[in-house]
Amino acid sequence: MTVLILTSEEDVTADMVVLRLGEAGVPVVRLDPADLTHGVALSGEYVQGVCRGHLSVGGRLVSMNGVRSVWVRRPGAAAARAAQPSAWLTEESSQALYGMLRCTDARWMNHPDAARRARHKPWQLHLAQRSGLAVPATLITTFPQAAREFAERFPDLVVKPVSGAHPQEPPRAVPTSRVAPDTDFAAVAFGPTLLQRRVAKRADIRLTAVGDTLLAARKPVDPGAHPDDVDVRFAPSLSPWLPADVPPRVAESVLRYLRDAELAYGAFDFAEDADGIWWFLECNQSGQFGFVEMDTGQPIAATIATWLAGEEGRGRTCADGACSAGC
């Protein structure tokens, strides 16, 4: 049985998992849907109640029924590198590939339907609340007056994009920024704006969830950090990521979130305040983890490889920054 990884060729994060799968002797096929009709071919047959499908990647033929799991990591748009690419060809190729894979018994990390839904920030915030996670007061609006009233109730705010990265090529990360006290919010009328109460944090938390295993890392805020440096991705810091224990109530809520979202993988970001409360910021259903593994030594890639191979353990306990459903 083969593990199928859908991602771009230059995905270093996927390389880490491919290495672990290779060490375990698990067959792996890696392809970018962007290469369909340009190095990648497919075929599916539906005759007399029987469904058969095949993928050809670099001359290697793989049976769809022989795929044990599919990791949808960072795939390109289907057929984007075809000889004559078009929106029509992309839609046709996407429906063919993902439609055939949906006919298999393979399990997904993450299923395209669940991943598409999980990207919506308003839905994330609602699900986090429903799961029992602490969520900072948040407003998403195009009403300037609503923004002004929200700022009166919560004077210390940050602004962040609703959708995440800016859709340029390559994608550009848009930082979370602190809102100036004299902002009049008139520009809110030109596009949905996400305002959120700033958490006066003492640390950033990245919790990587793989199946029922939770691996948390903590990055303390430098004592001399400027309060305007609110985005850990852009803030200067000398502190490395360190393994962290997951509070039992947070672990329970995160596992509930994953179950309700139907996700097998999620990269959760939290801000830890002075009282030790973990405030939910977002869950990226395909978030990076290599930088955390390099700092902490946590076996995230190996845990993903084990899940994809279908051999993950059950009933493990919390230790060394890891937690499972047995907690």
Protein backbone atom coordinates (compact mmCIF):
# COMPACT_ATOMS: atom_id res chain seq x y z
CA MET A 1 0.00 0.00 0.00
CA THR A 2 1.27 3.42 -1.01
CA VAL A 3 1.22 6.83 0.64
CA LEU A 4 0.32 9.57 -1.84
CA ILE A 5 1.62 13.08 -1.13
CA LEU A 6 0.17 15.98 -3.08
CA THR A 7 2.52 18.94 -2.88
CA SER A 8 4.96 21.10 -4.77
CA GLU A 9 8.44 19.89 -5.65
CA GLU A 10 10.20 22.44 -3.44
CA ASP A 11 8.26 21.60 -0.26
CA VAL A 12 11.00 21.03 2.33
CA THR A 13 8.43 20.23 5.01
CA ALA A 14 7.15 17.31 2.93
CA ASP A 15 10.75 16.17 2.39
CA MET A 16 11.05 15.55 6.15
CA VAL A 17 8.07 13.19 6.12
CA VAL A 18 9.16 11.42 2.93
CA LEU A 19 12.48 10.68 4.65
CA ARG A 20 10.70 9.12 7.65
CA LEU A 21 8.44 7.04 5.43
CA GLY A 22 11.46 5.82 3.49
CA GLU A 23 13.20 4.82 6.71
CA ALA A 24 10.10 2.80 7.65
CA GLY A 25 10.02 1.11 4.25
CA VAL A 26 6.65 2.59 3.32
CA PRO A 27 6.15 3.14 -0.44
CA VAL A 28 5.58 6.80 -1.30
CA VAL A 29 4.40 8.57 -4.43
CA ARG A 30 4.76 12.32 -4.47
CA LEU A 31 3.21 14.49 -7.14
CA ASP A 32 2.10 18.01 -7.76
CA PRO A 33 -1.34 18.22 -9.41
CA ALA A 34 0.12 21.17 -11.34
CA ASP A 35 2.07 18.58 -13.39
CA LEU A 36 -1.03 16.79 -14.70
CA THR A 37 -0.67 16.18 -18.45
CA HIS A 38 2.96 17.29 -18.10
CA GLY A 39 4.68 14.32 -16.47
CA VAL A 40 1.66 13.07 -14.52
CA ALA A 41 -1.15 11.05 -16.11
CA LEU A 42 -4.31 9.44 -14.75
CA SER A 43 -6.99 6.99 -15.80
CA GLY A 44 -10.20 5.78 -14.18
CA GLU A 45 -12.61 3.08 -15.35
CA TYR A 46 -16.12 2.45 -14.04
CA VAL A 47 -17.53 -0.74 -15.57
CA GLN A 48 -20.12 -3.25 -14.28
CA GLY A 49 -20.01 -1.92 -10.75
CA VAL A 50 -16.22 -2.00 -10.53
CA CYS A 51 -14.05 1.11 -10.16
CA ARG A 52 -10.41 1.00 -11.22
CA GLY A 53 -8.01 3.90 -11.39
CA HIS A 54 -4.32 4.49 -12.00
CA LEU A 55 -1.81 7.29 -11.69
CA SER A 56 1.42 7.53 -13.66
CA VAL A 57 4.15 9.64 -12.05
CA GLY A 58 7.62 9.75 -13.57
CA GLY A 59 7.02 6.48 -15.34
CA ARG A 60 5.78 4.75 -12.19
CA LEU A 61 2.25 3.30 -12.36
CA VAL A 62 0.23 3.31 -9.15
CA SER A 63 -3.18 1.76 -8.60
CA MET A 64 -5.70 4.06 -6.94
CA ASN A 65 -6.92 1.09 -4.93
CA GLY A 66 -3.39 0.65 -3.63
CA VAL A 67 -3.31 4.10 -1.98
CA ARG A 68 -3.52 3.78 1.80
CA SER A 69 -3.49 7.50 2.62
CA VAL A 70 -3.38 10.89 0.90
CA TRP A 71 -1.53 13.85 2.41
CA VAL A 72 -2.80 17.05 0.81
CA ARG A 73 0.15 19.20 1.77
CA ARG A 74 0.72 22.20 -0.55
CA PRO A 75 -0.57 21.12 -3.99
CA GLY A 76 -0.49 23.43 -6.96
CA ALA A 77 -3.50 24.16 -9.14
CA ALA A 78 -4.21 21.11 -11.29
CA ALA A 79 -2.62 21.21 -14.77
CA ALA A 80 -1.10 24.64 -14.12
CA ARG A 81 2.07 23.53 -15.93
CA ALA A 82 0.34 21.87 -18.86
CA ALA A 83 1.47 22.74 -22.38
CA GLN A 84 -1.63 24.90 -22.83
CA PRO A 85 -2.94 25.74 -19.35
CA SER A 86 -6.38 27.24 -18.88
CA ALA A 87 -9.00 27.67 -16.19
CA TRP A 88 -11.09 25.05 -17.99
CA LEU A 89 -8.26 22.50 -18.02
CA THR A 90 -7.54 23.17 -14.35
CA GLU A 91 -11.17 22.53 -13.39
CA GLU A 92 -11.36 19.39 -15.54
CA SER A 93 -8.08 18.03 -14.15
CA SER A 94 -8.95 18.87 -10.55
CA GLN A 95 -12.32 17.13 -10.77
CA ALA A 96 -10.74 14.09 -12.41
CA LEU A 97 -7.89 13.69 -9.91
CA TYR A 98 -9.70 14.46 -6.66
CA GLY A 99 -12.86 12.73 -7.85
CA MET A 100 -10.97 9.50 -8.49
CA LEU A 101 -9.16 9.69 -5.17
CA ARG A 102 -12.48 10.15 -3.37
CA CYS A 103 -13.51 6.74 -4.74
CA THR A 104 -10.70 5.00 -2.84
CA ASP A 105 -10.70 3.77 0.75
CA ALA A 106 -7.66 5.93 1.53
CA ARG A 107 -7.77 8.22 4.52
CA TRP A 108 -6.94 11.87 4.14
CA MET A 109 -4.70 14.41 5.83
CA ASN A 110 -6.74 16.49 5.29
CA HIS A 111 -9.82 15.72 3.20
CA PRO A 112 -10.28 18.52 0.61
CA ASP A 113 -13.81 19.31 1.80
CA ALA A 114 -12.71 19.61 5.43
CA ALA A 115 -9.61 21.60 4.49
CA ARG A 116 -11.59 24.06 2.39
CA ARG A 117 -14.04 24.70 5.22
CA ALA A 118 -11.29 24.91 7.84
CA ARG A 119 -9.59 27.82 6.05
CA HIS A 120 -12.45 30.19 6.87
CA LYS A 121 -11.38 32.33 9.84
CA PRO A 122 -14.91 33.23 11.05
CA TRP A 123 -15.76 29.52 11.12
CA GLN A 124 -12.53 28.79 13.02
CA LEU A 125 -13.36 31.35 15.69
CA HIS A 126 -16.89 29.98 16.12
CA LEU A 127 -15.67 26.39 16.29
CA ALA A 128 -12.95 27.32 18.80
CA GLN A 129 -15.56 28.96 21.03
CA ARG A 130 -17.83 25.95 20.73
CA SER A 131 -14.92 23.62 21.53
CA GLY A 132 -14.18 25.43 24.79
CA LEU A 133 -11.06 27.33 23.76
CA ALA A 134 -10.47 30.89 24.97
CA VAL A 135 -10.94 33.27 22.01
CA PRO A 136 -10.05 37.01 22.18
CA ALA A 137 -12.91 39.41 21.47
CA THR A 138 -13.06 39.70 17.66
CA LEU A 139 -14.98 41.75 15.12
CA ILE A 140 -15.12 41.19 11.35
CA THR A 141 -16.91 44.08 9.68
CA THR A 142 -17.32 46.51 6.81
CA PHE A 143 -19.22 48.97 9.02
CA PRO A 144 -16.89 51.81 10.16
CA GLN A 145 -19.22 52.69 13.02
CA ALA A 146 -19.18 49.09 14.27
CA ALA A 147 -15.37 49.20 14.25
CA ARG A 148 -15.35 52.49 16.18
CA GLU A 149 -17.72 51.14 18.81
CA PHE A 150 -15.68 47.94 19.11
CA ALA A 151 -12.51 50.02 19.61
CA GLU A 152 -14.24 51.93 22.40
CA ARG A 153 -15.06 48.67 24.17
CA PHE A 154 -11.62 47.17 23.53
CA PRO A 155 -9.13 50.06 23.15
CA ASP A 156 -6.07 47.84 22.54
CA LEU A 157 -6.63 46.09 19.19
CA VAL A 158 -4.76 44.32 16.43
CA VAL A 159 -5.82 44.00 12.80
CA LYS A 160 -5.19 40.93 10.67
CA PRO A 161 -6.36 39.56 7.31
CA VAL A 162 -9.48 37.44 7.25
CA SER A 163 -8.10 35.05 4.64
CA GLY A 164 -4.39 34.79 5.49
CA ALA A 165 -1.69 35.22 2.86
CA HIS A 166 -2.01 37.81 0.11
CA PRO A 167 -2.83 36.04 -3.19
CA GLN A 168 0.26 37.02 -5.11
CA GLU A 169 2.86 34.64 -6.53
CA PRO A 170 4.74 33.69 -4.49
CA PRO A 171 2.24 34.26 -1.65
CA ARG A 172 3.12 37.11 0.70
CA ALA A 173 2.41 36.82 4.41
CA VAL A 174 0.42 39.75 5.78
CA PRO A 175 1.48 40.48 9.37
CA THR A 176 -0.85 41.02 12.29
CA SER A 177 -0.44 44.69 13.28
CA ARG A 178 -1.39 46.82 16.25
CA VAL A 179 -4.13 49.38 15.63
CA ALA A 180 -3.13 53.00 16.34
CA PRO A 181 -5.25 54.72 19.06
CA ASP A 182 -6.35 57.54 16.70
CA THR A 183 -7.58 55.28 13.88
CA ASP A 184 -10.94 56.47 12.51
CA PHE A 185 -11.77 53.16 10.70
CA ALA A 186 -13.30 54.86 7.62
CA ALA A 187 -11.37 52.48 5.33
CA VAL A 188 -13.18 49.51 6.85
CA ALA A 189 -16.00 50.19 4.38
CA PHE A 190 -13.79 49.11 1.46
CA GLY A 191 -13.26 45.52 2.59
CA PRO A 192 -13.92 43.10 5.47
CA THR A 193 -11.61 43.94 8.37
CA LEU A 194 -10.76 41.65 11.27
CA LEU A 195 -10.15 43.45 14.56
CA GLN A 196 -9.16 41.53 17.66
CA ARG A 197 -8.36 42.41 21.25
CA ARG A 198 -4.60 42.30 21.69
CA VAL A 199 -3.46 39.65 24.13
CA ALA A 200 -0.65 40.95 26.33
CA LYS A 201 1.27 37.73 25.88
CA ARG A 202 4.23 36.30 27.72
CA ALA A 203 4.73 33.56 25.14
CA ASP A 204 3.60 32.27 21.75
CA ILE A 205 2.37 28.69 21.51
CA ARG A 206 2.40 26.47 18.43
CA LEU A 207 0.47 23.26 18.95
CA THR A 208 0.82 20.73 16.16
CA ALA A 209 -1.95 18.13 16.11
CA VAL A 210 -1.45 14.87 14.21
CA GLY A 211 -4.38 12.53 14.62
CA ASP A 212 -4.84 12.23 18.38
CA THR A 213 -1.26 13.30 19.17
CA LEU A 214 -0.63 16.88 20.29
CA LEU A 215 2.87 18.36 20.26
CA ALA A 216 3.16 21.83 21.73
CA ALA A 217 6.03 24.30 21.59
CA ARG A 218 6.43 27.55 23.48
CA LYS A 219 8.43 30.66 22.50
CA PRO A 220 8.81 33.16 25.37
CA VAL A 221 8.44 36.83 24.53
CA ASP A 222 11.74 38.64 25.00
CA PRO A 223 11.69 40.89 28.12
CA GLY A 224 12.53 43.98 26.06
CA ALA A 225 10.09 43.25 23.24
CA HIS A 226 8.17 46.24 21.90
CA PRO A 227 4.37 45.92 22.39
CA ASP A 228 3.87 46.68 18.70
CA ASP A 229 5.74 43.47 17.78
CA VAL A 230 2.63 41.30 17.98
CA ASP A 231 3.28 38.84 15.13
CA VAL A 232 5.75 36.13 16.12
CA ARG A 233 6.62 35.54 12.45
CA PHE A 234 8.06 39.03 12.11
CA ALA A 235 9.06 40.01 15.66
CA PRO A 236 12.80 39.98 16.41
CA SER A 237 13.57 37.30 18.99
CA LEU A 238 16.53 35.48 20.48
CA SER A 239 14.39 32.83 22.21
CA PRO A 240 14.07 29.41 20.55
CA TRP A 241 10.93 27.30 20.53
CA LEU A 242 10.88 24.92 23.49
CA PRO A 243 8.73 21.84 24.16
CA ALA A 244 5.66 22.60 26.27
CA ASP A 245 3.09 20.54 28.12
CA VAL A 246 -0.48 20.88 26.93
CA PRO A 247 -2.94 21.85 29.69
CA PRO A 248 -5.53 19.04 29.93
CA ARG A 249 -8.48 21.35 29.28
CA VAL A 250 -6.78 22.77 26.19
CA ALA A 251 -5.98 19.26 24.96
CA GLU A 252 -9.61 18.23 25.38
CA SER A 253 -10.84 21.30 23.50
CA VAL A 254 -8.31 20.91 20.67
CA LEU A 255 -9.28 17.28 20.14
CA ARG A 256 -12.93 18.33 20.08
CA TYR A 257 -12.08 21.02 17.51
CA LEU A 258 -10.29 18.48 15.30
CA ARG A 259 -13.14 16.01 15.56
CA ASP A 260 -15.81 18.57 14.67
CA ALA A 261 -13.66 20.03 11.87
CA GLU A 262 -12.93 16.50 10.57
CA LEU A 263 -9.21 17.29 10.45
CA ALA A 264 -6.37 14.81 10.85
CA TYR A 265 -3.78 17.59 11.04
CA GLY A 266 -3.84 21.13 12.37
CA ALA A 267 -1.26 23.73 13.38
CA PHE A 268 -2.80 25.78 16.20
CA ASP A 269 -1.47 29.18 17.23
CA PHE A 270 -2.12 30.48 20.75
CA ALA A 271 -1.01 33.52 22.75
CA GLU A 272 -0.26 32.76 26.40
CA ASP A 273 -1.05 35.61 28.78
CA ALA A 274 0.39 36.42 32.22
CA ASP A 275 -2.18 34.14 33.88
CA GLY A 276 -1.15 31.17 31.73
CA ILE A 277 -4.32 31.23 29.61
CA TRP A 278 -3.85 29.99 26.06
CA TRP A 279 -5.85 32.29 23.75
CA PHE A 280 -6.77 30.73 20.41
CA LEU A 281 -5.62 32.73 17.39
CA GLU A 282 -6.04 30.34 14.47
CA CYS A 283 -5.69 26.79 13.17
CA ASN A 284 -3.84 26.29 9.89
CA GLN A 285 -4.92 22.96 8.38
CA SER A 286 -1.65 22.72 6.39
CA GLY A 287 0.71 24.75 8.57
CA GLN A 288 4.48 24.39 8.56
CA PHE A 289 6.18 22.44 11.35
CA GLY A 290 9.81 22.13 10.33
CA PHE A 291 10.96 25.19 12.29
CA VAL A 292 9.40 23.77 15.47
CA GLU A 293 10.94 20.33 15.00
CA MET A 294 14.37 21.86 14.40
CA ASP A 295 14.22 23.90 17.62
CA THR A 296 12.53 21.38 19.91
CA GLY A 297 13.53 18.02 18.51
CA GLN A 298 9.89 16.93 18.69
CA PRO A 299 9.22 14.05 16.24
CA ILE A 300 6.51 15.80 14.24
CA ALA A 301 7.59 14.45 10.84
CA ALA A 302 7.85 10.93 12.23
CA THR A 303 4.40 11.25 13.82
CA ILE A 304 2.90 12.33 10.50
CA ALA A 305 4.68 9.47 8.72
CA THR A 306 3.32 7.00 11.26
CA TRP A 307 -0.22 8.34 10.77
CA LEU A 308 0.06 8.17 6.99
CA ALA A 309 1.36 4.61 7.26
CA GLY A 310 -1.64 3.74 9.43
CA GLU A 311 0.39 2.62 12.41
CA GLU A 312 -0.18 5.34 15.00
CA GLY A 313 -0.55 4.13 18.57
CA ARG A 314 -3.52 4.58 20.84
CA GLY A 315 -3.88 5.53 24.49
CA ARG A 316 -0.58 7.36 24.86
CA THR A 317 -0.11 9.85 27.65
CA CYS A 318 1.16 13.43 27.84
CA ALA A 319 4.94 13.73 28.06
CA ASP A 320 7.69 16.00 26.80
CA GLY A 321 5.29 18.42 25.15
CA ALA A 322 3.24 15.65 23.51
CA CYS A 323 -0.29 14.63 24.34
CA SER A 324 -2.76 12.12 22.95
CA ALA A 325 -6.39 11.23 23.43
CA GLY A 326 -5.39 9.06 26.36
CA CYS A 327 -4.74 12.19 28.46
